[in-house]
N, C-alpha and C. Protein backbone atom coordinates (compact mmCIF):
# COMPACT_ATOMS: atom_id res chain seq x y z
N MET A 1 -32.85 61.60 12.46
CA MET A 1 -33.13 61.74 11.05
C MET A 1 -33.80 63.09 10.80
N SER A 2 -33.36 63.81 9.82
CA SER A 2 -33.93 65.10 9.48
C SER A 2 -35.00 64.93 8.41
N TYR A 3 -36.13 65.58 8.63
CA TYR A 3 -37.22 65.51 7.68
C TYR A 3 -37.43 66.85 6.98
N SER A 4 -36.43 67.72 7.01
CA SER A 4 -36.61 69.07 6.47
C SER A 4 -37.02 69.07 5.00
N CYS A 5 -36.44 68.23 4.20
CA CYS A 5 -36.81 68.15 2.78
C CYS A 5 -37.91 67.13 2.56
N PHE A 6 -37.87 66.05 3.33
CA PHE A 6 -38.78 64.93 3.15
C PHE A 6 -40.22 65.27 3.49
N SER A 7 -40.43 66.21 4.39
CA SER A 7 -41.78 66.52 4.86
C SER A 7 -42.72 66.93 3.73
N ASP A 8 -42.20 67.62 2.73
CA ASP A 8 -43.04 68.05 1.61
C ASP A 8 -43.47 66.89 0.73
N TYR A 9 -42.79 65.75 0.83
CA TYR A 9 -43.07 64.61 -0.04
C TYR A 9 -43.58 63.38 0.72
N TYR A 10 -43.63 63.46 2.04
CA TYR A 10 -43.99 62.32 2.85
C TYR A 10 -45.35 61.74 2.46
N ASP A 11 -46.34 62.59 2.26
CA ASP A 11 -47.68 62.11 1.92
C ASP A 11 -47.70 61.41 0.56
N ILE A 12 -46.83 61.80 -0.33
CA ILE A 12 -46.74 61.12 -1.63
C ILE A 12 -46.22 59.70 -1.43
N PHE A 13 -45.21 59.56 -0.56
CA PHE A 13 -44.62 58.25 -0.32
C PHE A 13 -45.53 57.33 0.49
N THR A 14 -46.50 57.90 1.19
CA THR A 14 -47.41 57.08 1.99
C THR A 14 -48.83 57.11 1.43
N ASP A 15 -48.96 57.41 0.14
CA ASP A 15 -50.31 57.49 -0.44
C ASP A 15 -50.98 56.12 -0.53
N ASN A 16 -50.24 55.04 -0.31
CA ASN A 16 -50.82 53.70 -0.31
C ASN A 16 -51.42 53.34 1.06
N VAL A 17 -51.24 54.18 2.04
CA VAL A 17 -51.75 53.91 3.39
C VAL A 17 -53.20 54.39 3.48
N ASP A 18 -54.08 53.50 3.88
CA ASP A 18 -55.49 53.84 4.05
C ASP A 18 -55.69 54.28 5.51
N TYR A 19 -55.51 55.58 5.74
CA TYR A 19 -55.58 56.11 7.10
C TYR A 19 -56.97 55.96 7.70
N SER A 20 -58.00 56.03 6.88
CA SER A 20 -59.35 55.85 7.38
C SER A 20 -59.53 54.43 7.91
N ALA A 21 -59.07 53.45 7.17
CA ALA A 21 -59.15 52.05 7.62
C ALA A 21 -58.29 51.84 8.86
N MET A 22 -57.14 52.51 8.92
CA MET A 22 -56.27 52.39 10.09
C MET A 22 -56.98 52.97 11.32
N ALA A 23 -57.64 54.08 11.15
CA ALA A 23 -58.39 54.69 12.26
C ALA A 23 -59.53 53.76 12.70
N ASP A 24 -60.20 53.15 11.74
CA ASP A 24 -61.26 52.19 12.08
C ASP A 24 -60.69 51.02 12.87
N TYR A 25 -59.54 50.53 12.46
CA TYR A 25 -58.90 49.41 13.15
C TYR A 25 -58.53 49.80 14.59
N ILE A 26 -57.99 50.98 14.75
CA ILE A 26 -57.63 51.47 16.10
C ILE A 26 -58.89 51.58 16.96
N CYS A 27 -59.96 52.09 16.40
CA CYS A 27 -61.22 52.19 17.15
C CYS A 27 -61.73 50.80 17.53
N ALA A 28 -61.57 49.83 16.62
CA ALA A 28 -61.97 48.45 16.93
C ALA A 28 -61.12 47.88 18.06
N LEU A 29 -59.83 48.22 18.10
CA LEU A 29 -58.98 47.78 19.21
C LEU A 29 -59.41 48.42 20.52
N PHE A 30 -59.77 49.70 20.47
CA PHE A 30 -60.29 50.36 21.67
C PHE A 30 -61.51 49.60 22.19
N ASP A 31 -62.43 49.28 21.29
CA ASP A 31 -63.64 48.55 21.68
C ASP A 31 -63.30 47.17 22.24
N ARG A 32 -62.43 46.45 21.55
CA ARG A 32 -62.07 45.09 21.96
C ARG A 32 -61.52 45.06 23.37
N TYR A 33 -60.73 46.05 23.72
CA TYR A 33 -60.08 46.06 25.03
C TYR A 33 -60.78 46.97 26.05
N GLY A 34 -61.99 47.40 25.72
CA GLY A 34 -62.78 48.18 26.67
C GLY A 34 -62.22 49.55 26.99
N CYS A 35 -61.47 50.11 26.07
CA CYS A 35 -60.87 51.43 26.25
C CYS A 35 -61.78 52.46 25.57
N LYS A 36 -62.22 53.44 26.33
CA LYS A 36 -63.10 54.47 25.79
C LYS A 36 -62.46 55.85 25.97
N PRO A 37 -61.38 56.10 25.24
CA PRO A 37 -60.67 57.36 25.44
C PRO A 37 -61.41 58.55 24.84
N GLU A 38 -61.33 59.66 25.54
CA GLU A 38 -61.80 60.92 24.96
C GLU A 38 -60.67 61.59 24.20
N SER A 39 -59.45 61.43 24.76
CA SER A 39 -58.28 62.05 24.14
C SER A 39 -57.28 60.96 23.76
N VAL A 40 -56.60 61.20 22.65
CA VAL A 40 -55.63 60.24 22.13
C VAL A 40 -54.36 60.99 21.74
N LEU A 41 -53.23 60.43 22.12
CA LEU A 41 -51.93 60.93 21.69
C LEU A 41 -51.52 60.19 20.44
N ASP A 42 -51.14 60.92 19.41
CA ASP A 42 -50.50 60.34 18.23
C ASP A 42 -49.03 60.72 18.31
N ALA A 43 -48.22 59.79 18.82
CA ALA A 43 -46.78 60.02 18.98
C ALA A 43 -46.08 59.77 17.65
N ALA A 44 -45.15 60.65 17.30
CA ALA A 44 -44.48 60.60 16.00
C ALA A 44 -45.53 60.69 14.90
N CYS A 45 -46.35 61.71 14.97
CA CYS A 45 -47.53 61.86 14.11
C CYS A 45 -47.21 62.17 12.66
N GLY A 46 -45.99 62.54 12.37
CA GLY A 46 -45.65 62.86 10.98
C GLY A 46 -46.47 64.02 10.47
N THR A 47 -47.09 63.83 9.31
CA THR A 47 -47.89 64.90 8.71
C THR A 47 -49.34 64.88 9.16
N GLY A 48 -49.65 64.07 10.18
CA GLY A 48 -50.94 64.15 10.85
C GLY A 48 -52.10 63.43 10.19
N SER A 49 -51.86 62.62 9.19
CA SER A 49 -52.98 61.99 8.47
C SER A 49 -53.83 61.09 9.36
N LEU A 50 -53.20 60.28 10.20
CA LEU A 50 -53.96 59.42 11.10
C LEU A 50 -54.68 60.27 12.16
N ALA A 51 -54.01 61.26 12.70
CA ALA A 51 -54.62 62.13 13.71
C ALA A 51 -55.87 62.80 13.16
N ILE A 52 -55.83 63.21 11.93
CA ILE A 52 -56.98 63.85 11.29
C ILE A 52 -58.15 62.88 11.24
N GLU A 53 -57.87 61.64 10.85
CA GLU A 53 -58.93 60.63 10.79
C GLU A 53 -59.51 60.34 12.17
N LEU A 54 -58.65 60.28 13.18
CA LEU A 54 -59.14 60.05 14.54
C LEU A 54 -59.93 61.25 15.06
N ALA A 55 -59.49 62.45 14.71
CA ALA A 55 -60.23 63.67 15.11
C ALA A 55 -61.62 63.67 14.48
N LYS A 56 -61.74 63.18 13.27
CA LYS A 56 -63.04 63.09 12.60
C LYS A 56 -63.96 62.10 13.32
N ARG A 57 -63.39 61.22 14.12
CA ARG A 57 -64.16 60.25 14.90
C ARG A 57 -64.38 60.75 16.33
N ASP A 58 -64.22 62.06 16.50
CA ASP A 58 -64.54 62.76 17.75
C ASP A 58 -63.57 62.52 18.91
N PHE A 59 -62.34 62.15 18.62
CA PHE A 59 -61.33 62.09 19.66
C PHE A 59 -60.64 63.45 19.75
N ASP A 60 -60.34 63.88 20.96
CA ASP A 60 -59.50 65.05 21.16
C ASP A 60 -58.07 64.59 20.93
N MET A 61 -57.43 65.14 19.94
CA MET A 61 -56.11 64.66 19.54
C MET A 61 -55.00 65.57 20.05
N VAL A 62 -53.97 64.91 20.58
CA VAL A 62 -52.71 65.54 20.93
C VAL A 62 -51.67 64.84 20.08
N CYS A 63 -50.90 65.59 19.33
CA CYS A 63 -49.92 65.00 18.42
C CYS A 63 -48.53 65.51 18.74
N SER A 64 -47.58 64.59 18.72
CA SER A 64 -46.19 65.00 18.93
C SER A 64 -45.34 64.44 17.81
N ASP A 65 -44.31 65.19 17.48
CA ASP A 65 -43.32 64.75 16.51
C ASP A 65 -42.05 65.55 16.76
N SER A 66 -40.92 64.94 16.47
CA SER A 66 -39.65 65.62 16.68
C SER A 66 -39.27 66.54 15.51
N SER A 67 -40.02 66.47 14.42
CA SER A 67 -39.72 67.27 13.24
C SER A 67 -40.66 68.47 13.11
N CYS A 68 -40.09 69.65 13.21
CA CYS A 68 -40.88 70.88 13.01
C CYS A 68 -41.48 70.92 11.61
N GLU A 69 -40.73 70.41 10.65
CA GLU A 69 -41.19 70.44 9.25
C GLU A 69 -42.41 69.54 9.06
N MET A 70 -42.39 68.35 9.65
CA MET A 70 -43.54 67.45 9.55
C MET A 70 -44.74 68.06 10.25
N LEU A 71 -44.52 68.66 11.41
CA LEU A 71 -45.61 69.29 12.15
C LEU A 71 -46.21 70.46 11.38
N SER A 72 -45.38 71.18 10.67
CA SER A 72 -45.87 72.31 9.88
C SER A 72 -46.86 71.82 8.82
N VAL A 73 -46.51 70.73 8.15
CA VAL A 73 -47.42 70.15 7.15
C VAL A 73 -48.70 69.66 7.84
N ALA A 74 -48.55 68.99 8.98
CA ALA A 74 -49.70 68.46 9.72
C ALA A 74 -50.64 69.59 10.13
N MET A 75 -50.10 70.66 10.67
CA MET A 75 -50.94 71.77 11.13
C MET A 75 -51.71 72.40 9.97
N GLU A 76 -51.08 72.49 8.82
CA GLU A 76 -51.75 73.04 7.65
C GLU A 76 -52.92 72.14 7.22
N LYS A 77 -52.68 70.83 7.23
CA LYS A 77 -53.72 69.88 6.82
C LYS A 77 -54.88 69.82 7.82
N ALA A 78 -54.61 70.06 9.09
CA ALA A 78 -55.59 69.83 10.15
C ALA A 78 -56.30 71.11 10.60
N GLN A 79 -56.20 72.16 9.84
CA GLN A 79 -56.82 73.42 10.24
C GLN A 79 -58.31 73.23 10.55
N GLY A 80 -58.74 73.79 11.67
CA GLY A 80 -60.14 73.74 12.05
C GLY A 80 -60.55 72.51 12.83
N LEU A 81 -59.64 71.57 13.05
CA LEU A 81 -59.99 70.34 13.77
C LEU A 81 -59.64 70.39 15.25
N GLY A 82 -58.98 71.43 15.69
CA GLY A 82 -58.67 71.59 17.11
C GLY A 82 -57.63 70.62 17.63
N ILE A 83 -56.75 70.16 16.77
CA ILE A 83 -55.70 69.23 17.18
C ILE A 83 -54.55 70.02 17.78
N LEU A 84 -54.03 69.53 18.91
CA LEU A 84 -52.87 70.15 19.55
C LEU A 84 -51.61 69.46 19.02
N PHE A 85 -50.70 70.24 18.45
CA PHE A 85 -49.44 69.72 17.93
C PHE A 85 -48.28 70.19 18.79
N LEU A 86 -47.41 69.26 19.18
CA LEU A 86 -46.26 69.54 20.03
C LEU A 86 -44.98 69.05 19.37
N ASN A 87 -43.98 69.87 19.36
CA ASN A 87 -42.68 69.50 18.80
C ASN A 87 -41.87 68.78 19.89
N GLN A 88 -42.13 67.48 20.02
CA GLN A 88 -41.47 66.68 21.05
C GLN A 88 -41.21 65.27 20.53
N ALA A 89 -40.01 64.79 20.77
CA ALA A 89 -39.71 63.38 20.52
C ALA A 89 -40.37 62.56 21.62
N MET A 90 -40.67 61.30 21.32
CA MET A 90 -41.36 60.46 22.31
C MET A 90 -40.59 60.35 23.61
N GLU A 91 -39.27 60.27 23.53
CA GLU A 91 -38.49 60.11 24.76
C GLU A 91 -38.43 61.40 25.59
N ASN A 92 -38.88 62.51 25.00
CA ASN A 92 -38.93 63.79 25.71
C ASN A 92 -40.36 64.27 25.94
N LEU A 93 -41.31 63.39 25.78
CA LEU A 93 -42.72 63.75 25.88
C LEU A 93 -43.01 64.44 27.21
N ASP A 94 -43.73 65.55 27.15
CA ASP A 94 -44.12 66.29 28.34
C ASP A 94 -45.46 66.95 28.05
N LEU A 95 -46.53 66.23 28.36
CA LEU A 95 -47.87 66.73 28.07
C LEU A 95 -48.39 67.58 29.21
N TYR A 96 -49.48 68.28 28.95
CA TYR A 96 -50.10 69.17 29.94
C TYR A 96 -51.06 68.41 30.84
N GLY A 97 -51.25 67.14 30.55
CA GLY A 97 -52.16 66.28 31.31
C GLY A 97 -52.03 64.88 30.76
N THR A 98 -53.05 64.08 30.97
CA THR A 98 -53.01 62.71 30.48
C THR A 98 -53.96 62.53 29.31
N VAL A 99 -53.76 61.43 28.60
CA VAL A 99 -54.63 61.05 27.50
C VAL A 99 -55.19 59.67 27.82
N GLY A 100 -56.30 59.33 27.19
CA GLY A 100 -56.92 58.04 27.43
C GLY A 100 -56.27 56.91 26.69
N ALA A 101 -55.56 57.24 25.60
CA ALA A 101 -54.87 56.23 24.80
C ALA A 101 -53.79 56.91 23.98
N ALA A 102 -52.88 56.10 23.47
CA ALA A 102 -51.81 56.61 22.62
C ALA A 102 -51.61 55.66 21.45
N VAL A 103 -51.21 56.23 20.33
CA VAL A 103 -50.88 55.44 19.15
C VAL A 103 -49.54 55.91 18.59
N CYS A 104 -48.86 55.00 17.95
CA CYS A 104 -47.62 55.32 17.24
C CYS A 104 -47.51 54.33 16.09
N THR A 105 -47.77 54.79 14.89
CA THR A 105 -47.93 53.89 13.74
C THR A 105 -46.87 54.08 12.67
N LEU A 106 -47.00 53.29 11.64
CA LEU A 106 -46.10 53.29 10.48
C LEU A 106 -44.65 53.08 10.91
N ASP A 107 -44.46 52.17 11.85
CA ASP A 107 -43.13 51.76 12.30
C ASP A 107 -42.30 52.90 12.87
N SER A 108 -42.96 53.92 13.38
CA SER A 108 -42.22 55.07 13.92
C SER A 108 -41.36 54.70 15.11
N VAL A 109 -41.77 53.69 15.87
CA VAL A 109 -40.96 53.23 17.00
C VAL A 109 -39.58 52.78 16.52
N ASN A 110 -39.51 52.27 15.28
CA ASN A 110 -38.23 51.80 14.72
C ASN A 110 -37.17 52.89 14.65
N HIS A 111 -37.59 54.14 14.64
CA HIS A 111 -36.64 55.25 14.52
C HIS A 111 -35.88 55.52 15.82
N ILE A 112 -36.35 54.92 16.90
CA ILE A 112 -35.63 55.07 18.18
C ILE A 112 -34.72 53.86 18.31
N THR A 113 -33.49 54.03 17.90
CA THR A 113 -32.55 52.90 17.83
C THR A 113 -31.70 52.74 19.08
N ASN A 114 -31.74 53.71 19.96
CA ASN A 114 -31.00 53.63 21.21
C ASN A 114 -31.90 53.00 22.27
N GLU A 115 -31.44 51.91 22.88
CA GLU A 115 -32.25 51.16 23.84
C GLU A 115 -32.70 52.03 25.02
N LYS A 116 -31.83 52.87 25.51
CA LYS A 116 -32.17 53.74 26.64
C LYS A 116 -33.25 54.74 26.24
N LYS A 117 -33.13 55.32 25.04
CA LYS A 117 -34.14 56.28 24.57
C LYS A 117 -35.48 55.58 24.33
N LEU A 118 -35.43 54.34 23.84
CA LEU A 118 -36.67 53.58 23.63
C LEU A 118 -37.37 53.32 24.95
N ALA A 119 -36.62 52.90 25.96
CA ALA A 119 -37.20 52.68 27.28
C ALA A 119 -37.79 53.97 27.84
N GLU A 120 -37.11 55.08 27.63
CA GLU A 120 -37.61 56.38 28.11
C GLU A 120 -38.88 56.77 27.35
N ALA A 121 -38.93 56.50 26.05
CA ALA A 121 -40.12 56.82 25.25
C ALA A 121 -41.32 56.03 25.76
N PHE A 122 -41.14 54.74 26.01
CA PHE A 122 -42.24 53.93 26.52
C PHE A 122 -42.65 54.39 27.92
N PHE A 123 -41.68 54.75 28.74
CA PHE A 123 -41.99 55.27 30.08
C PHE A 123 -42.82 56.54 29.98
N LYS A 124 -42.41 57.46 29.10
CA LYS A 124 -43.12 58.74 28.97
C LYS A 124 -44.55 58.54 28.47
N VAL A 125 -44.72 57.66 27.49
CA VAL A 125 -46.07 57.40 27.00
C VAL A 125 -46.92 56.83 28.13
N SER A 126 -46.35 55.90 28.89
CA SER A 126 -47.07 55.31 30.03
C SER A 126 -47.41 56.37 31.08
N LEU A 127 -46.47 57.24 31.35
CA LEU A 127 -46.66 58.29 32.35
C LEU A 127 -47.84 59.19 32.01
N PHE A 128 -48.01 59.48 30.72
CA PHE A 128 -49.05 60.42 30.30
C PHE A 128 -50.32 59.74 29.79
N THR A 129 -50.41 58.41 29.95
CA THR A 129 -51.61 57.68 29.57
C THR A 129 -52.36 57.30 30.85
N GLU A 130 -53.65 57.57 30.87
CA GLU A 130 -54.47 57.29 32.04
C GLU A 130 -54.45 55.80 32.37
N PRO A 131 -54.62 55.45 33.64
CA PRO A 131 -54.71 54.03 34.01
C PRO A 131 -55.81 53.34 33.20
N GLY A 132 -55.50 52.18 32.68
CA GLY A 132 -56.45 51.44 31.85
C GLY A 132 -56.42 51.84 30.39
N GLY A 133 -55.62 52.85 30.06
CA GLY A 133 -55.52 53.28 28.67
C GLY A 133 -54.64 52.34 27.87
N LEU A 134 -54.70 52.46 26.58
CA LEU A 134 -53.92 51.61 25.68
C LEU A 134 -52.83 52.40 24.99
N PHE A 135 -51.76 51.74 24.67
CA PHE A 135 -50.73 52.27 23.77
C PHE A 135 -50.65 51.30 22.61
N ILE A 136 -51.12 51.73 21.47
CA ILE A 136 -51.15 50.90 20.26
C ILE A 136 -50.01 51.36 19.36
N PHE A 137 -49.10 50.44 19.04
CA PHE A 137 -47.98 50.78 18.18
C PHE A 137 -47.63 49.58 17.31
N ASP A 138 -46.89 49.85 16.26
CA ASP A 138 -46.40 48.77 15.40
C ASP A 138 -44.89 48.93 15.22
N VAL A 139 -44.25 47.84 14.92
CA VAL A 139 -42.82 47.83 14.62
C VAL A 139 -42.57 46.89 13.46
N ASN A 140 -41.48 47.10 12.80
CA ASN A 140 -41.11 46.25 11.69
C ASN A 140 -39.69 45.77 11.90
């Protein structure tokens, strides 16, 4: 799916999403499962709204998305927060190290409709997540 035109309007279409509450919920899940990550991957980060909220909670954020246009919007919004943005689809994830946890929200997993690519995406997230880390995602 191409987001070249959609990226400028994505935040308008998701203005009903309470990213702060979502970040609080993710932090509560970290606590519930005894996960204390310093770094978090936001896979399929879109325009970075959740990553920004998590960065405000002192996580070192690594964000990936397959859309250059979405990443461009995200980078503009996140200036000064030290977030690393990578133009990578989940099934092609190649990080410089590991992260303590990973998230993929707003049904982004649904966009991987090929079973082999989905398995590869989950493998890659697992590969780059430290032992004992969590991968929090939703599907619809």
